[in-house]
Amino acid sequence: TLILILEIIGTVAFAVSGALTGIRRGMDLFGVMILGVATAVGGGAIRDVLIGITPPAMLSSPSYTLLSAGVSVLMFIVCTSRFFQRMQRPFDLALFVSDSLGLGCFSVYGVSVAYSAKPDSGLFLAVFLGVITGVGGGVLRDMFAGNLPYIFTKHIYACASIAGALVCALMWDVTGSAAAMIVGMVLVVLIRCLAAHFEWGLPRAHFFREEQ
C-alpha cells in the first residue's frame, strides 16, 4: 500500500512539474503533455531498461502513463487561464514543491524496485537505481525543454536524491521497508527545502576568457 501511494504521489507530482515547465516554455497542449509524461515515468523507464525489465512498466502497465497525461492536460487547462497567468510566485512555488515531492517519492521507490527485482542487490546498485528513478525524468524534462538539467545547477538536487536513497537503503533491513522509505522521502524533501531557503549549492565552475 505504501509503495502504491508513493507511486501515485510521485507520478502526479512529477507530471505537474513537467507540465508547468512546458507551460513556462510556451509549449502547446501536446508538448506540455509529453513533458509531463516524460518527467513522471521517464526515470522509471530508464531504470527498468538498466536492470533488464522489458518492456518498461510505462508500456506494459500504462496506467501511470495515462495518469500523468491526464494530470498534464488538467494543468494546461488551469494554468493557461488569465487568472493563473498573473500569479507568478504561486506558479514558481508549485513547480518547486511538485518537483521536490516527486524526487523524494521516486528516489526511495527506485530502491524498492531494486530490492524487489534484484534481491541480491548491493548498496551501490540500490542507491544508483533510486537516484536514476528520482532524477531521470527531470533530466528528460529539462532536455526536451531546452534547459540545463536541474541535477547540474539547482539547489543540491541530485545530492538530495543520493542522500535519501542511501538512507533508505541503509535502513531497509534495520527498520523495515516502510520506515526506510518514509524517512528517505522526507529527507529528500527536507534537503531540497533547506537548500532553496538558505541558497545552498555546490561549488560551480567558472570559465574566464582571456580578454583580447
C-alpha atoms as a PDB file:
ATOM      1  CA  THR A   1       0.000   0.000   0.000  1.00  0.00           C
ATOM      2  CA  LEU A   2       2.793   2.425   0.839  1.00  0.00           C
ATOM      3  CA  ILE A   3       4.543   1.713  -2.458  1.00  0.00           C
ATOM      4  CA  LEU A   4       1.291   2.302  -4.345  1.00  0.00           C
ATOM      5  CA  ILE A   5       0.766   5.605  -2.537  1.00  0.00           C
ATOM      6  CA  LEU A   6       4.332   6.714  -3.287  1.00  0.00           C
ATOM      7  CA  GLU A   7       3.915   5.754  -6.943  1.00  0.00           C
ATOM      8  CA  ILE A   8       0.732   7.782  -7.289  1.00  0.00           C
ATOM      9  CA  ILE A   9       2.059  10.808  -5.403  1.00  0.00           C
ATOM     10  CA  GLY A  10       5.346  10.742  -7.306  1.00  0.00           C
ATOM     11  CA  THR A  11       3.618  10.349 -10.667  1.00  0.00           C
ATOM     12  CA  VAL A  12       1.206  13.212 -10.069  1.00  0.00           C
ATOM     13  CA  ALA A  13       3.900  15.476  -8.608  1.00  0.00           C
ATOM     14  CA  PHE A  14       6.350  14.921 -11.466  1.00  0.00           C
ATOM     15  CA  ALA A  15       3.570  15.245 -14.057  1.00  0.00           C
ATOM     16  CA  VAL A  16       2.713  18.639 -12.555  1.00  0.00           C
ATOM     17  CA  SER A  17       6.393  19.606 -12.599  1.00  0.00           C
ATOM     18  CA  GLY A  18       6.823  18.612 -16.245  1.00  0.00           C
ATOM     19  CA  ALA A  19       3.584  20.271 -17.326  1.00  0.00           C
ATOM     20  CA  LEU A  20       4.456  23.533 -15.555  1.00  0.00           C
ATOM     21  CA  THR A  21       7.857  23.545 -17.241  1.00  0.00           C
ATOM     22  CA  GLY A  22       6.230  23.079 -20.633  1.00  0.00           C
ATOM     23  CA  ILE A  23       3.724  25.836 -19.935  1.00  0.00           C
ATOM     24  CA  ARG A  24       6.500  28.191 -18.891  1.00  0.00           C
ATOM     25  CA  ARG A  25       8.324  27.438 -22.139  1.00  0.00           C
ATOM     26  CA  GLY A  26       5.202  28.339 -24.128  1.00  0.00           C
ATOM     27  CA  MET A  27       4.555  24.827 -25.478  1.00  0.00           C
ATOM     28  CA  ASP A  28       1.244  23.719 -26.937  1.00  0.00           C
ATOM     29  CA  LEU A  29      -1.005  21.126 -25.309  1.00  0.00           C
ATOM     30  CA  PHE A  30       0.805  18.172 -26.872  1.00  0.00           C
ATOM     31  CA  GLY A  31       4.215  19.477 -25.798  1.00  0.00           C
ATOM     32  CA  VAL A  32       3.009  20.054 -22.243  1.00  0.00           C
ATOM     33  CA  MET A  33       1.581  16.531 -22.122  1.00  0.00           C
ATOM     34  CA  ILE A  34       4.808  14.983 -23.435  1.00  0.00           C
ATOM     35  CA  LEU A  35       6.870  16.854 -20.846  1.00  0.00           C
ATOM     36  CA  GLY A  36       4.527  15.754 -18.072  1.00  0.00           C
ATOM     37  CA  VAL A  37       4.650  12.109 -19.130  1.00  0.00           C
ATOM     38  CA  ALA A  38       8.434  12.120 -19.654  1.00  0.00           C
ATOM     39  CA  THR A  39       9.018  13.630 -16.212  1.00  0.00           C
ATOM     40  CA  ALA A  40       6.621  11.271 -14.449  1.00  0.00           C
ATOM     41  CA  VAL A  41       7.619   7.937 -15.986  1.00  0.00           C
ATOM     42  CA  GLY A  42      10.922   8.630 -17.740  1.00  0.00           C
ATOM     43  CA  GLY A  43      13.130   7.838 -14.754  1.00  0.00           C
ATOM     44  CA  GLY A  44      11.337   4.548 -14.180  1.00  0.00           C
ATOM     45  CA  ALA A  45      11.731   3.602 -17.839  1.00  0.00           C
ATOM     46  CA  ILE A  46      15.486   4.228 -17.697  1.00  0.00           C
ATOM     47  CA  ARG A  47      15.711   2.169 -14.501  1.00  0.00           C
ATOM     48  CA  ASP A  48      13.750  -0.743 -15.970  1.00  0.00           C
ATOM     49  CA  VAL A  49      15.924  -0.896 -19.084  1.00  0.00           C
ATOM     50  CA  LEU A  50      19.092  -0.854 -16.962  1.00  0.00           C
ATOM     51  CA  ILE A  51      18.035  -3.895 -14.926  1.00  0.00           C
ATOM     52  CA  GLY A  52      16.520  -5.794 -17.844  1.00  0.00           C
ATOM     53  CA  ILE A  53      12.809  -5.246 -17.266  1.00  0.00           C
ATOM     54  CA  THR A  54      11.446  -5.008 -20.793  1.00  0.00           C
ATOM     55  CA  PRO A  55       9.174  -3.606 -21.915  1.00  0.00           C
ATOM     56  CA  PRO A  56       9.382  -0.928 -19.191  1.00  0.00           C
ATOM     57  CA  ALA A  57       6.474  -0.586 -16.783  1.00  0.00           C
ATOM     58  CA  MET A  58       5.318   2.607 -18.514  1.00  0.00           C
ATOM     59  CA  LEU A  59       4.444   0.454 -21.556  1.00  0.00           C
ATOM     60  CA  SER A  60       3.456  -2.873 -20.019  1.00  0.00           C
ATOM     61  CA  SER A  61       1.253  -1.218 -17.357  1.00  0.00           C
ATOM     62  CA  PRO A  62       0.346   2.143 -18.860  1.00  0.00           C
ATOM     63  CA  SER A  63      -1.952   3.293 -16.039  1.00  0.00           C
ATOM     64  CA  TYR A  64       0.680   5.697 -14.679  1.00  0.00           C
ATOM     65  CA  THR A  65       1.473   6.963 -18.173  1.00  0.00           C
ATOM     66  CA  LEU A  66      -2.207   7.730 -18.712  1.00  0.00           C
ATOM     67  CA  LEU A  67      -2.451   9.304 -15.244  1.00  0.00           C
ATOM     68  CA  SER A  68       0.475  11.626 -15.947  1.00  0.00           C
ATOM     69  CA  ALA A  69      -1.002  12.563 -19.335  1.00  0.00           C
ATOM     70  CA  GLY A  70      -4.342  13.397 -17.704  1.00  0.00           C
ATOM     71  CA  VAL A  71      -2.686  15.481 -14.986  1.00  0.00           C
ATOM     72  CA  SER A  72      -0.692  17.357 -17.627  1.00  0.00           C
ATOM     73  CA  VAL A  73      -3.807  18.199 -19.629  1.00  0.00           C
ATOM     74  CA  LEU A  74      -5.547  19.387 -16.459  1.00  0.00           C
ATOM     75  CA  MET A  75      -2.588  21.608 -15.563  1.00  0.00           C
ATOM     76  CA  PHE A  76      -2.602  23.065 -19.075  1.00  0.00           C
ATOM     77  CA  ILE A  77      -6.275  23.980 -18.772  1.00  0.00           C
ATOM     78  CA  VAL A  78      -5.834  25.521 -15.318  1.00  0.00           C
ATOM     79  CA  CYS A  79      -2.567  27.352 -15.917  1.00  0.00           C
ATOM     80  CA  THR A  80      -3.483  28.917 -19.239  1.00  0.00           C
ATOM     81  CA  SER A  81      -6.374  30.813 -17.661  1.00  0.00           C
ATOM     82  CA  ARG A  82      -5.891  34.555 -17.340  1.00  0.00           C
ATOM     83  CA  PHE A  83      -6.259  34.404 -13.571  1.00  0.00           C
ATOM     84  CA  PHE A  84      -3.429  31.928 -13.095  1.00  0.00           C
ATOM     85  CA  GLN A  85      -1.078  33.676 -15.527  1.00  0.00           C
ATOM     86  CA  ARG A  86      -0.930  36.653 -13.156  1.00  0.00           C
ATOM     87  CA  MET A  87       0.260  34.507 -10.245  1.00  0.00           C
ATOM     88  CA  GLN A  88       3.989  34.181 -10.838  1.00  0.00           C
ATOM     89  CA  ARG A  89       5.023  33.396  -7.276  1.00  0.00           C
ATOM     90  CA  PRO A  90       2.451  30.600  -6.706  1.00  0.00           C
ATOM     91  CA  PHE A  91       3.491  29.191 -10.093  1.00  0.00           C
ATOM     92  CA  ASP A  92       7.148  29.032  -9.017  1.00  0.00           C
ATOM     93  CA  LEU A  93       6.190  27.556  -5.639  1.00  0.00           C
ATOM     94  CA  ALA A  94       4.005  24.888  -7.242  1.00  0.00           C
ATOM     95  CA  LEU A  95       6.853  23.919  -9.575  1.00  0.00           C
ATOM     96  CA  PHE A  96       9.333  23.648  -6.698  1.00  0.00           C
ATOM     97  CA  VAL A  97       7.033  21.702  -4.370  1.00  0.00           C
ATOM     98  CA  SER A  98       5.883  19.234  -7.022  1.00  0.00           C
ATOM     99  CA  ASP A  99       9.420  18.636  -8.231  1.00  0.00           C
ATOM    100  CA  SER A 100      10.761  18.089  -4.698  1.00  0.00           C
ATOM    101  CA  LEU A 101       7.908  15.772  -3.754  1.00  0.00           C
ATOM    102  CA  GLY A 102       8.303  13.718  -6.916  1.00  0.00           C
ATOM    103  CA  LEU A 103      12.052  13.495  -6.373  1.00  0.00           C
ATOM    104  CA  GLY A 104      11.583  12.218  -2.832  1.00  0.00           C
ATOM    105  CA  CYS A 105       8.953   9.616  -3.721  1.00  0.00           C
ATOM    106  CA  PHE A 106      10.774   8.180  -6.704  1.00  0.00           C
ATOM    107  CA  SER A 107      14.229   8.177  -5.100  1.00  0.00           C
ATOM    108  CA  VAL A 108      13.037   5.693  -2.473  1.00  0.00           C
ATOM    109  CA  TYR A 109      10.715   3.867  -4.848  1.00  0.00           C
ATOM    110  CA  GLY A 110      13.723   3.090  -7.037  1.00  0.00           C
ATOM    111  CA  VAL A 111      15.406   1.472  -4.034  1.00  0.00           C
ATOM    112  CA  SER A 112      12.283  -0.632  -3.508  1.00  0.00           C
ATOM    113  CA  VAL A 113      12.304  -1.789  -7.130  1.00  0.00           C
ATOM    114  CA  ALA A 114      15.992  -2.677  -6.842  1.00  0.00           C
ATOM    115  CA  TYR A 115      15.427  -4.948  -3.861  1.00  0.00           C
ATOM    116  CA  SER A 116      12.271  -6.430  -5.375  1.00  0.00           C
ATOM    117  CA  ALA A 117      13.647  -7.156  -8.864  1.00  0.00           C
ATOM    118  CA  LYS A 118      17.173  -7.993  -7.715  1.00  0.00           C
ATOM    119  CA  PRO A 119      17.008  -9.410  -4.166  1.00  0.00           C
ATOM    120  CA  ASP A 120      20.797  -9.703  -4.058  1.00  0.00           C
ATOM    121  CA  SER A 121      21.261  -6.021  -4.909  1.00  0.00           C
ATOM    122  CA  GLY A 122      24.171  -4.454  -3.099  1.00  0.00           C
ATOM    123  CA  LEU A 123      24.085  -0.989  -1.581  1.00  0.00           C
ATOM    124  CA  PHE A 124      25.568   0.683  -4.650  1.00  0.00           C
ATOM    125  CA  LEU A 125      23.033  -0.782  -7.083  1.00  0.00           C
ATOM    126  CA  ALA A 126      20.080   0.055  -4.835  1.00  0.00           C
ATOM    127  CA  VAL A 127      21.179   3.671  -4.388  1.00  0.00           C
ATOM    128  CA  PHE A 128      22.070   4.037  -8.061  1.00  0.00           C
ATOM    129  CA  LEU A 129      18.666   2.825  -9.206  1.00  0.00           C
ATOM    130  CA  GLY A 130      16.978   5.052  -6.637  1.00  0.00           C
ATOM    131  CA  VAL A 131      18.782   8.112  -7.944  1.00  0.00           C
ATOM    132  CA  ILE A 132      18.141   7.182 -11.583  1.00  0.00           C
ATOM    133  CA  THR A 133      14.441   6.789 -10.826  1.00  0.00           C
ATOM    134  CA  GLY A 134      14.405  10.110  -8.983  1.00  0.00           C
ATOM    135  CA  VAL A 135      16.336  12.335 -11.376  1.00  0.00           C
ATOM    136  CA  GLY A 136      15.916  10.550 -14.729  1.00  0.00           C
ATOM    137  CA  GLY A 137      12.539  12.061 -15.551  1.00  0.00           C
ATOM    138  CA  GLY A 138      13.728  15.533 -14.608  1.00  0.00           C
ATOM    139  CA  VAL A 139      16.721  15.217 -16.900  1.00  0.00           C
ATOM    140  CA  LEU A 140      14.463  14.237 -19.802  1.00  0.00           C
ATOM    141  CA  ARG A 141      12.130  17.128 -18.982  1.00  0.00           C
ATOM    142  CA  ASP A 142      14.921  19.680 -18.985  1.00  0.00           C
ATOM    143  CA  MET A 143      16.471  18.300 -22.174  1.00  0.00           C
ATOM    144  CA  PHE A 144      13.139  18.396 -24.011  1.00  0.00           C
ATOM    145  CA  ALA A 145      12.514  21.931 -22.724  1.00  0.00           C
ATOM    146  CA  GLY A 146      15.965  23.127 -23.770  1.00  0.00           C
ATOM    147  CA  ASN A 147      17.112  23.841 -20.202  1.00  0.00           C
ATOM    148  CA  LEU A 148      20.352  22.906 -18.453  1.00  0.00           C
ATOM    149  CA  PRO A 149      19.296  19.909 -16.283  1.00  0.00           C
ATOM    150  CA  TYR A 150      18.485  20.639 -12.641  1.00  0.00           C
ATOM    151  CA  ILE A 151      20.906  17.984 -11.463  1.00  0.00           C
ATOM    152  CA  PHE A 152      23.820  20.163 -12.604  1.00  0.00           C
ATOM    153  CA  THR A 153      22.645  23.538 -11.342  1.00  0.00           C
ATOM    154  CA  LYS A 154      19.805  23.644  -8.828  1.00  0.00           C
ATOM    155  CA  HIS A 155      19.808  23.551  -5.013  1.00  0.00           C
ATOM    156  CA  ILE A 156      21.547  20.257  -4.236  1.00  0.00           C
ATOM    157  CA  TYR A 157      19.087  18.380  -6.475  1.00  0.00           C
ATOM    158  CA  ALA A 158      20.911  15.146  -7.271  1.00  0.00           C
ATOM    159  CA  CYS A 159      22.704  15.169  -3.915  1.00  0.00           C
ATOM    160  CA  ALA A 160      19.337  15.239  -2.132  1.00  0.00           C
ATOM    161  CA  SER A 161      18.266  12.187  -4.129  1.00  0.00           C
ATOM    162  CA  ILE A 162      21.517  10.385  -3.306  1.00  0.00           C
ATOM    163  CA  ALA A 163      21.138  11.145   0.417  1.00  0.00           C
ATOM    164  CA  GLY A 164      17.534   9.938   0.531  1.00  0.00           C
ATOM    165  CA  ALA A 165      18.220   6.767  -1.457  1.00  0.00           C
ATOM    166  CA  LEU A 166      21.299   5.988   0.650  1.00  0.00           C
ATOM    167  CA  VAL A 167      19.478   6.399   3.961  1.00  0.00           C
ATOM    168  CA  CYS A 168      16.583   4.309   2.655  1.00  0.00           C
ATOM    169  CA  ALA A 169      18.903   1.508   1.538  1.00  0.00           C
ATOM    170  CA  LEU A 170      20.857   1.531   4.829  1.00  0.00           C
ATOM    171  CA  MET A 171      17.674   1.397   6.908  1.00  0.00           C
ATOM    172  CA  TRP A 172      15.969  -1.245   4.758  1.00  0.00           C
ATOM    173  CA  ASP A 173      16.961  -4.320   6.757  1.00  0.00           C
ATOM    174  CA  VAL A 174      17.170  -2.490  10.083  1.00  0.00           C
ATOM    175  CA  THR A 175      13.782  -0.802  10.379  1.00  0.00           C
ATOM    176  CA  GLY A 176      11.827  -2.424   7.577  1.00  0.00           C
ATOM    177  CA  SER A 177      10.926  -1.137   4.157  1.00  0.00           C
ATOM    178  CA  ALA A 178       8.048   1.160   5.165  1.00  0.00           C
ATOM    179  CA  ALA A 179      10.006   3.203   7.701  1.00  0.00           C
ATOM    180  CA  ALA A 180      13.060   3.287   5.439  1.00  0.00           C
ATOM    181  CA  MET A 181      11.074   4.673   2.508  1.00  0.00           C
ATOM    182  CA  ILE A 182       9.243   7.281   4.575  1.00  0.00           C
ATOM    183  CA  VAL A 183      12.438   8.554   6.194  1.00  0.00           C
ATOM    184  CA  GLY A 184      14.294   8.608   2.880  1.00  0.00           C
ATOM    185  CA  MET A 185      11.498  10.519   1.144  1.00  0.00           C
ATOM    186  CA  VAL A 186      11.192  13.085   3.933  1.00  0.00           C
ATOM    187  CA  LEU A 187      14.952  13.566   3.922  1.00  0.00           C
ATOM    188  CA  VAL A 188      14.996  14.341   0.197  1.00  0.00           C
ATOM    189  CA  VAL A 189      12.217  16.925   0.504  1.00  0.00           C
ATOM    190  CA  LEU A 190      13.800  18.450   3.613  1.00  0.00           C
ATOM    191  CA  ILE A 191      17.195  18.837   1.968  1.00  0.00           C
ATOM    192  CA  ARG A 192      15.597  20.426  -1.108  1.00  0.00           C
ATOM    193  CA  CYS A 193      13.647  22.911   1.026  1.00  0.00           C
ATOM    194  CA  LEU A 194      16.635  23.829   3.184  1.00  0.00           C
ATOM    195  CA  ALA A 195      18.871  24.203   0.139  1.00  0.00           C
ATOM    196  CA  ALA A 196      16.376  26.506  -1.550  1.00  0.00           C
ATOM    197  CA  HIS A 197      15.779  28.575   1.581  1.00  0.00           C
ATOM    198  CA  PHE A 198      19.428  29.021   2.517  1.00  0.00           C
ATOM    199  CA  GLU A 199      20.618  29.033  -1.113  1.00  0.00           C
ATOM    200  CA  TRP A 200      22.963  26.124  -0.606  1.00  0.00           C
ATOM    201  CA  GLY A 201      24.867  24.923  -3.600  1.00  0.00           C
ATOM    202  CA  LEU A 202      27.938  23.001  -4.622  1.00  0.00           C
ATOM    203  CA  PRO A 203      30.977  24.870  -5.955  1.00  0.00           C
ATOM    204  CA  ARG A 204      30.402  25.808  -9.577  1.00  0.00           C
ATOM    205  CA  ALA A 205      32.825  26.026 -12.449  1.00  0.00           C
ATOM    206  CA  HIS A 206      33.545  29.447 -13.899  1.00  0.00           C
ATOM    207  CA  PHE A 207      35.321  29.821 -17.202  1.00  0.00           C
ATOM    208  CA  PHE A 208      37.093  33.077 -17.848  1.00  0.00           C
ATOM    209  CA  ARG A 209      38.034  34.010 -21.371  1.00  0.00           C
ATOM    210  CA  GLU A 210      41.245  35.879 -21.736  1.00  0.00           C
ATOM    211  CA  GLU A 211      40.472  39.373 -22.933  1.00  0.00           C
ATOM    212  CA  GLN A 212      41.849  40.180 -26.351  1.00  0.00           C
END
